[in-house]
């Protein structure tokens, strides 16, 4: 599976941005897709994920109620709508995919085998 991310850029605090991630290749199997982010001098952290098997979405507490992850099953595309952005959301965002696995590992980057290129999101105060 190959992942192509797009979107990101610069926004003011309180503003919105949208990220997209398109999967291609051997996408006929059930997969989980997620977004992770890494801010300067910080560890990579989970942001959101969506599972193809049950369409359920999962969020980090820091973004819950502000970010929405959705999917277009026909296109194997995942979108992350980011609203009410905060300066602490500034980071490089990367999409990731894996063959669907156990729920307890959904938020752990090490369990994802496919990664797209990162895209920078900058939120000014």
PDB file of N, CA and C in Angstrom:
ATOM      1  N   UNK A   1       0.841  -1.191   0.000  1.00  0.00           N
ATOM      2  CA  UNK A   1       0.000   0.000   0.000  1.00  0.00           C
ATOM      3  C   UNK A   1       0.877   1.243   0.000  1.00  0.00           C
ATOM      4  N   UNK A   2       0.558   2.149  -0.888  1.00  0.00           N
ATOM      5  CA  UNK A   2       1.258   3.440  -0.927  1.00  0.00           C
ATOM      6  C   UNK A   2       0.285   4.529  -0.465  1.00  0.00           C
ATOM      7  N   UNK A   3       0.810   5.475   0.268  1.00  0.00           N
ATOM      8  CA  UNK A   3      -0.010   6.553   0.811  1.00  0.00           C
ATOM      9  C   UNK A   3       0.478   7.895   0.288  1.00  0.00           C
ATOM     10  N   UNK A   4      -0.462   8.702  -0.121  1.00  0.00           N
ATOM     11  CA  UNK A   4      -0.150  10.050  -0.612  1.00  0.00           C
ATOM     12  C   UNK A   4      -0.943  11.047   0.204  1.00  0.00           C
ATOM     13  N   UNK A   5      -0.245  11.861   0.964  1.00  0.00           N
ATOM     14  CA  UNK A   5      -0.907  12.856   1.814  1.00  0.00           C
ATOM     15  C   UNK A   5      -0.911  14.213   1.131  1.00  0.00           C
ATOM     16  N   UNK A   6      -1.923  14.996   1.449  1.00  0.00           N
ATOM     17  CA  UNK A   6      -2.021  16.356   0.924  1.00  0.00           C
ATOM     18  C   UNK A   6      -2.744  17.220   1.941  1.00  0.00           C
ATOM     19  N   UNK A   7      -2.628  18.520   1.722  1.00  0.00           N
ATOM     20  CA  UNK A   7      -3.267  19.457   2.635  1.00  0.00           C
ATOM     21  C   UNK A   7      -2.251  20.050   3.584  1.00  0.00           C
ATOM     22  N   UNK A   8      -2.746  20.592   4.676  1.00  0.00           N
ATOM     23  CA  UNK A   8      -1.863  21.244   5.632  1.00  0.00           C
ATOM     24  C   UNK A   8      -1.629  22.687   5.253  1.00  0.00           C
ATOM     25  N   UNK A   9      -0.642  23.289   5.888  1.00  0.00           N
ATOM     26  CA  UNK A   9      -0.328  24.676   5.618  1.00  0.00           C
ATOM     27  C   UNK A   9      -0.395  25.510   6.886  1.00  0.00           C
ATOM     28  N   UNK A  10      -0.740  26.773   6.694  1.00  0.00           N
ATOM     29  CA  UNK A  10      -0.735  27.734   7.798  1.00  0.00           C
ATOM     30  C   UNK A  10      -2.150  28.174   8.117  1.00  0.00           C
ATOM     31  N   UNK A  11      -2.465  28.236   9.406  1.00  0.00           N
ATOM     32  CA  UNK A  11      -3.768  28.716   9.843  1.00  0.00           C
ATOM     33  C   UNK A  11      -3.591  29.523  11.119  1.00  0.00           C
ATOM     34  N   UNK A  12      -4.541  30.351  11.375  1.00  0.00           N
ATOM     35  CA  UNK A  12      -4.548  31.093  12.635  1.00  0.00           C
ATOM     36  C   UNK A  12      -5.275  30.269  13.686  1.00  0.00           C
ATOM     37  N   UNK A  13      -4.992  30.559  14.932  1.00  0.00           N
ATOM     38  CA  UNK A  13      -5.694  29.886  16.013  1.00  0.00           C
ATOM     39  C   UNK A  13      -7.190  30.089  15.849  1.00  0.00           C
ATOM     40  N   UNK A  14      -7.931  29.013  16.017  1.00  0.00           N
ATOM     41  CA  UNK A  14      -9.366  29.061  15.805  1.00  0.00           C
ATOM     42  C   UNK A  14      -9.782  28.730  14.386  1.00  0.00           C
ATOM     43  N   UNK A  15      -8.832  28.652  13.508  1.00  0.00           N
ATOM     44  CA  UNK A  15      -9.133  28.363  12.114  1.00  0.00           C
ATOM     45  C   UNK A  15      -9.213  26.878  11.827  1.00  0.00           C
ATOM     46  N   UNK A  16      -9.284  26.553  10.536  1.00  0.00           N
ATOM     47  CA  UNK A  16      -9.453  25.161  10.107  1.00  0.00           C
ATOM     48  C   UNK A  16      -8.497  24.813   8.984  1.00  0.00           C
ATOM     49  N   UNK A  17      -8.159  23.558   8.926  1.00  0.00           N
ATOM     50  CA  UNK A  17      -7.386  22.989   7.828  1.00  0.00           C
ATOM     51  C   UNK A  17      -7.894  21.574   7.584  1.00  0.00           C
ATOM     52  N   UNK A  18      -7.598  21.076   6.397  1.00  0.00           N
ATOM     53  CA  UNK A  18      -8.008  19.715   6.062  1.00  0.00           C
ATOM     54  C   UNK A  18      -6.830  18.962   5.478  1.00  0.00           C
ATOM     55  N   UNK A  19      -6.643  17.753   5.953  1.00  0.00           N
ATOM     56  CA  UNK A  19      -5.628  16.861   5.421  1.00  0.00           C
ATOM     57  C   UNK A  19      -6.314  15.676   4.740  1.00  0.00           C
ATOM     58  N   UNK A  20      -5.704  15.204   3.675  1.00  0.00           N
ATOM     59  CA  UNK A  20      -6.214  14.026   2.998  1.00  0.00           C
ATOM     60  C   UNK A  20      -5.099  13.024   2.798  1.00  0.00           C
ATOM     61  N   UNK A  21      -5.467  11.760   2.764  1.00  0.00           N
ATOM     62  CA  UNK A  21      -4.500  10.692   2.548  1.00  0.00           C
ATOM     63  C   UNK A  21      -5.146   9.658   1.644  1.00  0.00           C
ATOM     64  N   UNK A  22      -4.545   9.440   0.500  1.00  0.00           N
ATOM     65  CA  UNK A  22      -5.077   8.479  -0.469  1.00  0.00           C
ATOM     66  C   UNK A  22      -4.207   7.235  -0.478  1.00  0.00           C
ATOM     67  N   UNK A  23      -4.843   6.086  -0.348  1.00  0.00           N
ATOM     68  CA  UNK A  23      -4.137   4.809  -0.380  1.00  0.00           C
ATOM     69  C   UNK A  23      -4.280   4.183  -1.759  1.00  0.00           C
ATOM     70  N   UNK A  24      -3.203   3.613  -2.249  1.00  0.00           N
ATOM     71  CA  UNK A  24      -3.240   2.919  -3.527  1.00  0.00           C
ATOM     72  C   UNK A  24      -2.424   1.639  -3.401  1.00  0.00           C
ATOM     73  N   UNK A  25      -2.543   0.812  -4.398  1.00  0.00           N
ATOM     74  CA  UNK A  25      -1.845  -0.465  -4.354  1.00  0.00           C
ATOM     75  C   UNK A  25      -2.784  -1.555  -3.890  1.00  0.00           C
ATOM     76  N   UNK A  26      -2.309  -2.411  -3.030  1.00  0.00           N
ATOM     77  CA  UNK A  26      -3.094  -3.559  -2.582  1.00  0.00           C
ATOM     78  C   UNK A  26      -4.042  -3.134  -1.473  1.00  0.00           C
ATOM     79  N   UNK A  27      -5.068  -2.405  -1.867  1.00  0.00           N
ATOM     80  CA  UNK A  27      -5.990  -1.850  -0.886  1.00  0.00           C
ATOM     81  C   UNK A  27      -7.263  -2.658  -0.747  1.00  0.00           C
ATOM     82  N   UNK A  28      -7.285  -3.820  -1.326  1.00  0.00           N
ATOM     83  CA  UNK A  28      -8.516  -4.586  -1.291  1.00  0.00           C
ATOM     84  C   UNK A  28      -8.737  -5.258   0.051  1.00  0.00           C
ATOM     85  N   UNK A  29      -7.741  -5.253   0.895  1.00  0.00           N
ATOM     86  CA  UNK A  29      -7.873  -5.895   2.188  1.00  0.00           C
ATOM     87  C   UNK A  29      -8.287  -4.886   3.241  1.00  0.00           C
ATOM     88  N   UNK A  30      -8.865  -5.371   4.275  1.00  0.00           N
ATOM     89  CA  UNK A  30      -9.326  -4.490   5.334  1.00  0.00           C
ATOM     90  C   UNK A  30      -8.144  -3.844   6.029  1.00  0.00           C
ATOM     91  N   UNK A  31      -8.192  -2.538   6.126  1.00  0.00           N
ATOM     92  CA  UNK A  31      -7.090  -1.813   6.734  1.00  0.00           C
ATOM     93  C   UNK A  31      -7.591  -0.822   7.770  1.00  0.00           C
ATOM     94  N   UNK A  32      -6.698  -0.410   8.612  1.00  0.00           N
ATOM     95  CA  UNK A  32      -6.917   0.719   9.508  1.00  0.00           C
ATOM     96  C   UNK A  32      -6.060   1.860   8.987  1.00  0.00           C
ATOM     97  N   UNK A  33      -6.583   3.064   9.036  1.00  0.00           N
ATOM     98  CA  UNK A  33      -5.800   4.227   8.623  1.00  0.00           C
ATOM     99  C   UNK A  33      -5.801   5.250   9.746  1.00  0.00           C
ATOM    100  N   UNK A  34      -4.682   5.909   9.904  1.00  0.00           N
ATOM    101  CA  UNK A  34      -4.526   6.803  11.047  1.00  0.00           C
ATOM    102  C   UNK A  34      -3.689   8.004  10.677  1.00  0.00           C
ATOM    103  N   UNK A  35      -3.774   9.004  11.516  1.00  0.00           N
ATOM    104  CA  UNK A  35      -2.903  10.176  11.452  1.00  0.00           C
ATOM    105  C   UNK A  35      -2.106  10.248  12.750  1.00  0.00           C
ATOM    106  N   UNK A  36      -0.834  10.509  12.581  1.00  0.00           N
ATOM    107  CA  UNK A  36       0.051  10.786  13.702  1.00  0.00           C
ATOM    108  C   UNK A  36       0.692  12.157  13.460  1.00  0.00           C
ATOM    109  N   UNK A  37       1.226  12.730  14.499  1.00  0.00           N
ATOM    110  CA  UNK A  37       1.903  14.021  14.330  1.00  0.00           C
ATOM    111  C   UNK A  37       3.132  14.083  15.227  1.00  0.00           C
ATOM    112  N   UNK A  38       4.058  14.913  14.811  1.00  0.00           N
ATOM    113  CA  UNK A  38       5.265  15.109  15.601  1.00  0.00           C
ATOM    114  C   UNK A  38       5.613  16.581  15.603  1.00  0.00           C
ATOM    115  N   UNK A  39       5.588  17.168  16.769  1.00  0.00           N
ATOM    116  CA  UNK A  39       5.959  18.563  16.940  1.00  0.00           C
ATOM    117  C   UNK A  39       7.458  18.646  17.217  1.00  0.00           C
ATOM    118  N   UNK A  40       8.039  19.805  17.002  1.00  0.00           N
ATOM    119  CA  UNK A  40       9.473  19.976  17.261  1.00  0.00           C
ATOM    120  C   UNK A  40       9.835  19.579  18.696  1.00  0.00           C
ATOM    121  N   UNK A  41      10.854  18.774  18.803  1.00  0.00           N
ATOM    122  CA  UNK A  41      11.396  18.371  20.109  1.00  0.00           C
ATOM    123  C   UNK A  41      10.415  17.532  20.928  1.00  0.00           C
ATOM    124  N   UNK A  42       9.448  16.917  20.232  1.00  0.00           N
ATOM    125  CA  UNK A  42       8.498  16.064  20.923  1.00  0.00           C
ATOM    126  C   UNK A  42       8.412  14.704  20.246  1.00  0.00           C
ATOM    127  N   UNK A  43       7.889  13.733  20.965  1.00  0.00           N
ATOM    128  CA  UNK A  43       7.697  12.415  20.406  1.00  0.00           C
ATOM    129  C   UNK A  43       6.502  12.415  19.454  1.00  0.00           C
ATOM    130  N   UNK A  44       6.530  11.485  18.519  1.00  0.00           N
ATOM    131  CA  UNK A  44       5.389  11.318  17.637  1.00  0.00           C
ATOM    132  C   UNK A  44       4.195  10.860  18.460  1.00  0.00           C
ATOM    133  N   UNK A  45       3.029  11.379  18.136  1.00  0.00           N
ATOM    134  CA  UNK A  45       1.841  11.017  18.904  1.00  0.00           C
ATOM    135  C   UNK A  45       0.669  10.711  17.985  1.00  0.00           C
ATOM    136  N   UNK A  46      -0.201   9.877  18.474  1.00  0.00           N
ATOM    137  CA  UNK A  46      -1.413   9.505  17.765  1.00  0.00           C
ATOM    138  C   UNK A  46      -2.372  10.677  17.736  1.00  0.00           C
ATOM    139  N   UNK A  47      -3.054  10.838  16.602  1.00  0.00           N
ATOM    140  CA  UNK A  47      -4.056  11.896  16.466  1.00  0.00           C
ATOM    141  C   UNK A  47      -5.450  11.290  16.294  1.00  0.00           C
ATOM    142  N   UNK A  48      -5.614  10.482  15.270  1.00  0.00           N
ATOM    143  CA  UNK A  48      -6.927   9.905  14.985  1.00  0.00           C
ATOM    144  C   UNK A  48      -6.755   8.694  14.085  1.00  0.00           C
ATOM    145  N   UNK A  49      -7.752   7.819  14.127  1.00  0.00           N
ATOM    146  CA  UNK A  49      -7.724   6.629  13.278  1.00  0.00           C
ATOM    147  C   UNK A  49      -9.141   6.229  12.920  1.00  0.00           C
ATOM    148  N   UNK A  50      -9.261   5.500  11.842  1.00  0.00           N
ATOM    149  CA  UNK A  50     -10.554   4.977  11.431  1.00  0.00           C
ATOM    150  C   UNK A  50     -10.350   3.559  10.913  1.00  0.00           C
ATOM    151  N   UNK A  51     -11.287   2.704  11.260  1.00  0.00           N
ATOM    152  CA  UNK A  51     -11.171   1.307  10.890  1.00  0.00           C
ATOM    153  C   UNK A  51     -12.155   0.985   9.778  1.00  0.00           C
ATOM    154  N   UNK A  52     -11.653   0.310   8.761  1.00  0.00           N
ATOM    155  CA  UNK A  52     -12.520  -0.037   7.622  1.00  0.00           C
ATOM    156  C   UNK A  52     -13.580  -1.057   8.008  1.00  0.00           C
ATOM    157  N   UNK A  53     -13.282  -1.899   9.007  1.00  0.00           N
ATOM    158  CA  UNK A  53     -14.189  -2.994   9.301  1.00  0.00           C
ATOM    159  C   UNK A  53     -15.483  -2.529   9.940  1.00  0.00           C
ATOM    160  N   UNK A  54     -15.443  -1.454  10.719  1.00  0.00           N
ATOM    161  CA  UNK A  54     -16.661  -1.035  11.405  1.00  0.00           C
ATOM    162  C   UNK A  54     -16.933   0.463  11.295  1.00  0.00           C
ATOM    163  N   UNK A  55     -16.109   1.156  10.512  1.00  0.00           N
ATOM    164  CA  UNK A  55     -16.249   2.593  10.266  1.00  0.00           C
ATOM    165  C   UNK A  55     -16.084   3.446  11.518  1.00  0.00           C
ATOM    166  N   UNK A  56     -15.658   2.868  12.606  1.00  0.00           N
ATOM    167  CA  UNK A  56     -15.552   3.641  13.831  1.00  0.00           C
ATOM    168  C   UNK A  56     -14.271   4.463  13.846  1.00  0.00           C
ATOM    169  N   UNK A  57     -14.371   5.642  14.398  1.00  0.00           N
ATOM    170  CA  UNK A  57     -13.232   6.543  14.485  1.00  0.00           C
ATOM    171  C   UNK A  57     -12.760   6.650  15.934  1.00  0.00           C
ATOM    172  N   UNK A  58     -11.496   6.958  16.089  1.00  0.00           N
ATOM    173  CA  UNK A  58     -10.878   7.050  17.401  1.00  0.00           C
ATOM    174  C   UNK A  58      -9.998   8.291  17.421  1.00  0.00           C
ATOM    175  N   UNK A  59      -9.974   8.982  18.552  1.00  0.00           N
ATOM    176  CA  UNK A  59      -9.258  10.250  18.637  1.00  0.00           C
ATOM    177  C   UNK A  59      -8.405  10.335  19.899  1.00  0.00           C
ATOM    178  N   UNK A  60      -7.320  11.086  19.786  1.00  0.00           N
ATOM    179  CA  UNK A  60      -6.573  11.461  20.972  1.00  0.00           C
ATOM    180  C   UNK A  60      -7.410  12.466  21.753  1.00  0.00           C
ATOM    181  N   UNK A  61      -7.275  12.450  23.055  1.00  0.00           N
ATOM    182  CA  UNK A  61      -8.062  13.374  23.884  1.00  0.00           C
ATOM    183  C   UNK A  61      -7.799  14.833  23.509  1.00  0.00           C
ATOM    184  N   UNK A  62      -6.591  15.119  23.088  1.00  0.00           N
ATOM    185  CA  UNK A  62      -6.210  16.502  22.788  1.00  0.00           C
ATOM    186  C   UNK A  62      -6.919  17.076  21.573  1.00  0.00           C
ATOM    187  N   UNK A  63      -7.475  16.207  20.718  1.00  0.00           N
ATOM    188  CA  UNK A  63      -8.118  16.696  19.501  1.00  0.00           C
ATOM    189  C   UNK A  63      -9.597  16.348  19.440  1.00  0.00           C
ATOM    190  N   UNK A  64     -10.052  15.563  20.376  1.00  0.00           N
ATOM    191  CA  UNK A  64     -11.444  15.141  20.373  1.00  0.00           C
ATOM    192  C   UNK A  64     -12.348  16.356  20.391  1.00  0.00           C
ATOM    193  N   UNK A  65     -13.385  16.336  19.609  1.00  0.00           N
ATOM    194  CA  UNK A  65     -14.387  17.390  19.433  1.00  0.00           C
ATOM    195  C   UNK A  65     -13.893  18.528  18.537  1.00  0.00           C
ATOM    196  N   UNK A  66     -12.617  18.494  18.158  1.00  0.00           N
ATOM    197  CA  UNK A  66     -12.106  19.525  17.242  1.00  0.00           C
ATOM    198  C   UNK A  66     -11.734  18.939  15.879  1.00  0.00           C
ATOM    199  N   UNK A  67     -11.258  17.721  15.875  1.00  0.00           N
ATOM    200  CA  UNK A  67     -10.847  17.067  14.638  1.00  0.00           C
ATOM    201  C   UNK A  67     -11.862  15.976  14.284  1.00  0.00           C
ATOM    202  N   UNK A  68     -12.034  15.766  12.986  1.00  0.00           N
ATOM    203  CA  UNK A  68     -12.920  14.713  12.517  1.00  0.00           C
ATOM    204  C   UNK A  68     -12.217  13.913  11.427  1.00  0.00           C
ATOM    205  N   UNK A  69     -12.146  12.622  11.616  1.00  0.00           N
ATOM    206  CA  UNK A  69     -11.572  11.752  10.602  1.00  0.00           C
ATOM    207  C   UNK A  69     -12.708  11.059   9.877  1.00  0.00           C
ATOM    208  N   UNK A  70     -12.607  10.996   8.579  1.00  0.00           N
ATOM    209  CA  UNK A  70     -13.641  10.353   7.780  1.00  0.00           C
ATOM    210  C   UNK A  70     -12.995   9.629   6.624  1.00  0.00           C
ATOM    211  N   UNK A  71     -13.757   8.804   5.970  1.00  0.00           N
ATOM    212  CA  UNK A  71     -13.187   8.021   4.884  1.00  0.00           C
ATOM    213  C   UNK A  71     -14.127   7.975   3.693  1.00  0.00           C
ATOM    214  N   UNK A  72     -13.529   7.804   2.556  1.00  0.00           N
ATOM    215  CA  UNK A  72     -14.257   7.535   1.331  1.00  0.00           C
ATOM    216  C   UNK A  72     -13.854   6.131   0.937  1.00  0.00           C
ATOM    217  N   UNK A  73     -14.706   5.185   1.255  1.00  0.00           N
ATOM    218  CA  UNK A  73     -14.327   3.787   1.076  1.00  0.00           C
ATOM    219  C   UNK A  73     -14.028   3.459  -0.377  1.00  0.00           C
ATOM    220  N   UNK A  74     -14.789   4.046  -1.283  1.00  0.00           N
ATOM    221  CA  UNK A  74     -14.608   3.727  -2.693  1.00  0.00           C
ATOM    222  C   UNK A  74     -13.249   4.181  -3.202  1.00  0.00           C
ATOM    223  N   UNK A  75     -12.750   5.271  -2.640  1.00  0.00           N
ATOM    224  CA  UNK A  75     -11.481   5.831  -3.096  1.00  0.00           C
ATOM    225  C   UNK A  75     -10.332   5.507  -2.167  1.00  0.00           C
ATOM    226  N   UNK A  76     -10.600   4.804  -1.087  1.00  0.00           N
ATOM    227  CA  UNK A  76      -9.568   4.523  -0.089  1.00  0.00           C
ATOM    228  C   UNK A  76      -8.849   5.812   0.300  1.00  0.00           C
ATOM    229  N   UNK A  77      -9.645   6.809   0.595  1.00  0.00           N
ATOM    230  CA  UNK A  77      -9.112   8.098   1.016  1.00  0.00           C
ATOM    231  C   UNK A  77      -9.620   8.428   2.405  1.00  0.00           C
ATOM    232  N   UNK A  78      -8.726   8.940   3.215  1.00  0.00           N
ATOM    233  CA  UNK A  78      -9.083   9.367   4.559  1.00  0.00           C
ATOM    234  C   UNK A  78      -8.831  10.862   4.674  1.00  0.00           C
ATOM    235  N   UNK A  79      -9.772  11.555   5.279  1.00  0.00           N
ATOM    236  CA  UNK A  79      -9.659  12.997   5.456  1.00  0.00           C
ATOM    237  C   UNK A  79      -9.655  13.332   6.944  1.00  0.00           C
ATOM    238  N   UNK A  80      -8.815  14.245   7.310  1.00  0.00           N
ATOM    239  CA  UNK A  80      -8.782  14.746   8.686  1.00  0.00           C
ATOM    240  C   UNK A  80      -9.165  16.220   8.638  1.00  0.00           C
ATOM    241  N   UNK A  81     -10.358  16.521   9.094  1.00  0.00           N
ATOM    242  CA  UNK A  81     -10.825  17.897   9.184  1.00  0.00           C
ATOM    243  C   UNK A  81     -10.436  18.440  10.548  1.00  0.00           C
ATOM    244  N   UNK A  82      -9.675  19.496  10.544  1.00  0.00           N
ATOM    245  CA  UNK A  82      -9.166  20.065  11.785  1.00  0.00           C
ATOM    246  C   UNK A  82      -9.787  21.438  12.002  1.00  0.00           C
ATOM    247  N   UNK A  83     -10.610  21.571  13.006  1.00  0.00           N
ATOM    248  CA  UNK A  83     -11.284  22.821  13.330  1.00  0.00           C
ATOM    249  C   UNK A  83     -10.808  23.344  14.681  1.00  0.00           C
ATOM    250  N   UNK A  84     -11.063  24.623  14.892  1.00  0.00           N
ATOM    251  CA  UNK A  84     -10.668  25.255  16.147  1.00  0.00           C
ATOM    252  C   UNK A  84      -9.209  24.940  16.483  1.00  0.00           C
ATOM    253  N   UNK A  85      -8.368  25.159  15.523  1.00  0.00           N
ATOM    254  CA  UNK A  85      -6.953  24.827  15.681  1.00  0.00           C
ATOM    255  C   UNK A  85      -6.306  25.664  16.772  1.00  0.00           C
ATOM    256  N   UNK A  86      -5.326  25.056  17.411  1.00  0.00           N
ATOM    257  CA  UNK A  86      -4.580  25.720  18.471  1.00  0.00           C
ATOM    258  C   UNK A  86      -3.097  25.714  18.102  1.00  0.00           C
ATOM    259  N   UNK A  87      -2.333  26.653  18.630  1.00  0.00           N
ATOM    260  CA  UNK A  87      -0.897  26.662  18.330  1.00  0.00           C
ATOM    261  C   UNK A  87      -0.222  25.340  18.663  1.00  0.00           C
ATOM    262  N   UNK A  88      -0.685  24.651  19.673  1.00  0.00           N
ATOM    263  CA  UNK A  88      -0.078  23.373  20.039  1.00  0.00           C
ATOM    264  C   UNK A  88      -0.394  22.252  19.052  1.00  0.00           C
ATOM    265  N   UNK A  89      -1.236  22.535  18.062  1.00  0.00           N
ATOM    266  CA  UNK A  89      -1.464  21.567  16.993  1.00  0.00           C
ATOM    267  C   UNK A  89      -0.373  21.640  15.924  1.00  0.00           C
ATOM    268  N   UNK A  90       0.494  22.614  16.028  1.00  0.00           N
ATOM    269  CA  UNK A  90       1.585  22.750  15.071  1.00  0.00           C
ATOM    270  C   UNK A  90       2.480  21.524  15.112  1.00  0.00           C
ATOM    271  N   UNK A  91       2.637  20.886  13.950  1.00  0.00           N
ATOM    272  CA  UNK A  91       3.416  19.647  13.879  1.00  0.00           C
ATOM    273  C   UNK A  91       3.478  19.182  12.427  1.00  0.00           C
ATOM    274  N   UNK A  92       4.293  18.187  12.211  1.00  0.00           N
ATOM    275  CA  UNK A  92       4.263  17.462  10.942  1.00  0.00           C
ATOM    276  C   UNK A  92       3.295  16.302  11.106  1.00  0.00           C
ATOM    277  N   UNK A  93       2.305  16.247  10.244  1.00  0.00           N
ATOM    278  CA  UNK A  93       1.278  15.221  10.306  1.00  0.00           C
ATOM    279  C   UNK A  93       1.568  14.156   9.244  1.00  0.00           C
ATOM    280  N   UNK A  94       1.470  12.915   9.648  1.00  0.00           N
ATOM    281  CA  UNK A  94       1.732  11.807   8.741  1.00  0.00           C
ATOM    282  C   UNK A  94       0.567  10.819   8.794  1.00  0.00           C
ATOM    283  N   UNK A  95       0.165  10.340   7.638  1.00  0.00           N
ATOM    284  CA  UNK A  95      -0.850   9.297   7.615  1.00  0.00           C
ATOM    285  C   UNK A  95      -0.180   7.933   7.580  1.00  0.00           C
ATOM    286  N   UNK A  96      -0.882   6.969   8.101  1.00  0.00           N
ATOM    287  CA  UNK A  96      -0.346   5.622   8.199  1.00  0.00           C
ATOM    288  C   UNK A  96      -1.451   4.611   7.965  1.00  0.00           C
ATOM    289  N   UNK A  97      -1.067   3.428   7.542  1.00  0.00           N
ATOM    290  CA  UNK A  97      -2.029   2.359   7.290  1.00  0.00           C
ATOM    291  C   UNK A  97      -1.453   1.024   7.730  1.00  0.00           C
ATOM    292  N   UNK A  98      -2.345   0.124   8.064  1.00  0.00           N
ATOM    293  CA  UNK A  98      -1.946  -1.231   8.433  1.00  0.00           C
ATOM    294  C   UNK A  98      -3.101  -2.165   8.118  1.00  0.00           C
ATOM    295  N   UNK A  99      -2.799  -3.431   7.972  1.00  0.00           N
ATOM    296  CA  UNK A  99      -3.864  -4.416   7.934  1.00  0.00           C
ATOM    297  C   UNK A  99      -4.563  -4.366   9.284  1.00  0.00           C
ATOM    298  N   UNK A 100      -5.862  -4.426   9.260  1.00  0.00           N
ATOM    299  CA  UNK A 100      -6.596  -4.231  10.499  1.00  0.00           C
ATOM    300  C   UNK A 100      -6.100  -5.176  11.587  1.00  0.00           C
ATOM    301  N   UNK A 101      -5.913  -4.606  12.755  1.00  0.00           N
ATOM    302  CA  UNK A 101      -5.381  -5.383  13.864  1.00  0.00           C
ATOM    303  C   UNK A 101      -6.225  -5.217  15.099  1.00  0.00           C
ATOM    304  N   UNK A 102      -5.695  -5.633  16.214  1.00  0.00           N
ATOM    305  CA  UNK A 102      -6.459  -5.547  17.451  1.00  0.00           C
ATOM    306  C   UNK A 102      -6.588  -4.101  17.888  1.00  0.00           C
ATOM    307  N   UNK A 103      -7.690  -3.803  18.502  1.00  0.00           N
ATOM    308  CA  UNK A 103      -8.016  -2.432  18.840  1.00  0.00           C
ATOM    309  C   UNK A 103      -6.992  -1.797  19.773  1.00  0.00           C
ATOM    310  N   UNK A 104      -6.458  -2.563  20.671  1.00  0.00           N
ATOM    311  CA  UNK A 104      -5.540  -2.001  21.658  1.00  0.00           C
ATOM    312  C   UNK A 104      -4.253  -1.462  21.047  1.00  0.00           C
ATOM    313  N   UNK A 105      -3.957  -1.814  19.823  1.00  0.00           N
ATOM    314  CA  UNK A 105      -2.736  -1.331  19.178  1.00  0.00           C
ATOM    315  C   UNK A 105      -3.015  -0.238  18.160  1.00  0.00           C
ATOM    316  N   UNK A 106      -4.237   0.200  18.079  1.00  0.00           N
ATOM    317  CA  UNK A 106      -4.622   1.154  17.041  1.00  0.00           C
ATOM    318  C   UNK A 106      -3.879   2.473  17.174  1.00  0.00           C
ATOM    319  N   UNK A 107      -3.529   2.868  18.395  1.00  0.00           N
ATOM    320  CA  UNK A 107      -2.921   4.182  18.631  1.00  0.00           C
ATOM    321  C   UNK A 107      -1.395   4.132  18.700  1.00  0.00           C
ATOM    322  N   UNK A 108      -0.811   3.008  18.363  1.00  0.00           N
ATOM    323  CA  UNK A 108       0.632   2.831  18.471  1.00  0.00           C
ATOM    324  C   UNK A 108       1.274   2.822  17.103  1.00  0.00           C
ATOM    325  N   UNK A 109       2.156   3.768  16.863  1.00  0.00           N
ATOM    326  CA  UNK A 109       2.764   3.936  15.540  1.00  0.00           C
ATOM    327  C   UNK A 109       3.528   2.703  15.091  1.00  0.00           C
ATOM    328  N   UNK A 110       4.132   1.992  16.013  1.00  0.00           N
ATOM    329  CA  UNK A 110       4.943   0.834  15.651  1.00  0.00           C
ATOM    330  C   UNK A 110       4.130  -0.256  14.962  1.00  0.00           C
ATOM    331  N   UNK A 111       2.824  -0.240  15.096  1.00  0.00           N
ATOM    332  CA  UNK A 111       1.990  -1.282  14.506  1.00  0.00           C
ATOM    333  C   UNK A 111       1.517  -0.923  13.101  1.00  0.00           C
ATOM    334  N   UNK A 112       2.008   0.179  12.569  1.00  0.00           N
ATOM    335  CA  UNK A 112       1.647   0.597  11.221  1.00  0.00           C
ATOM    336  C   UNK A 112       2.848   0.373  10.303  1.00  0.00           C
ATOM    337  N   UNK A 113       2.599  -0.297   9.187  1.00  0.00           N
ATOM    338  CA  UNK A 113       3.683  -0.660   8.292  1.00  0.00           C
ATOM    339  C   UNK A 113       3.819   0.272   7.098  1.00  0.00           C
ATOM    340  N   UNK A 114       2.795   1.046   6.813  1.00  0.00           N
ATOM    341  CA  UNK A 114       2.832   1.929   5.653  1.00  0.00           C
ATOM    342  C   UNK A 114       2.661   3.365   6.099  1.00  0.00           C
ATOM    343  N   UNK A 115       3.503   4.227   5.559  1.00  0.00           N
ATOM    344  CA  UNK A 115       3.482   5.630   5.947  1.00  0.00           C
ATOM    345  C   UNK A 115       3.550   6.515   4.714  1.00  0.00           C
ATOM    346  N   UNK A 116       2.775   7.598   4.762  1.00  0.00           N
ATOM    347  CA  UNK A 116       2.869   8.609   3.734  1.00  0.00           C
ATOM    348  C   UNK A 116       3.897   9.655   4.129  1.00  0.00           C
ATOM    349  N   UNK A 117       4.168  10.570   3.207  1.00  0.00           N
ATOM    350  CA  UNK A 117       5.097  11.638   3.555  1.00  0.00           C
ATOM    351  C   UNK A 117       4.417  12.595   4.524  1.00  0.00           C
ATOM    352  N   UNK A 118       5.140  13.237   5.355  1.00  0.00           N
ATOM    353  CA  UNK A 118       4.567  14.166   6.316  1.00  0.00           C
ATOM    354  C   UNK A 118       4.162  15.471   5.655  1.00  0.00           C
ATOM    355  N   UNK A 119       3.198  16.108   6.264  1.00  0.00           N
ATOM    356  CA  UNK A 119       2.776  17.423   5.789  1.00  0.00           C
ATOM    357  C   UNK A 119       2.736  18.367   6.987  1.00  0.00           C
ATOM    358  N   UNK A 120       3.258  19.565   6.793  1.00  0.00           N
ATOM    359  CA  UNK A 120       3.411  20.493   7.902  1.00  0.00           C
ATOM    360  C   UNK A 120       2.132  21.294   8.144  1.00  0.00           C
ATOM    361  N   UNK A 121       1.732  21.327   9.380  1.00  0.00           N
ATOM    362  CA  UNK A 121       0.621  22.169   9.825  1.00  0.00           C
ATOM    363  C   UNK A 121       1.180  23.173  10.827  1.00  0.00           C
ATOM    364  N   UNK A 122       0.978  24.451  10.539  1.00  0.00           N
ATOM    365  CA  UNK A 122       1.452  25.510  11.415  1.00  0.00           C
ATOM    366  C   UNK A 122       0.275  26.366  11.834  1.00  0.00           C
ATOM    367  N   UNK A 123       0.105  26.524  13.132  1.00  0.00           N
ATOM    368  CA  UNK A 123      -0.991  27.324  13.661  1.00  0.00           C
ATOM    369  C   UNK A 123      -0.404  28.497  14.427  1.00  0.00           C
ATOM    370  N   UNK A 124      -0.736  29.676  13.988  1.00  0.00           N
ATOM    371  CA  UNK A 124      -0.216  30.881  14.636  1.00  0.00           C
ATOM    372  C   UNK A 124      -1.206  31.397  15.670  1.00  0.00           C
ATOM    373  N   UNK A 125      -0.669  32.006  16.690  1.00  0.00           N
ATOM    374  CA  UNK A 125      -1.534  32.524  17.769  1.00  0.00           C
ATOM    375  C   UNK A 125      -2.002  33.935  17.492  1.00  0.00           C
TER     376      UNK A 125
END
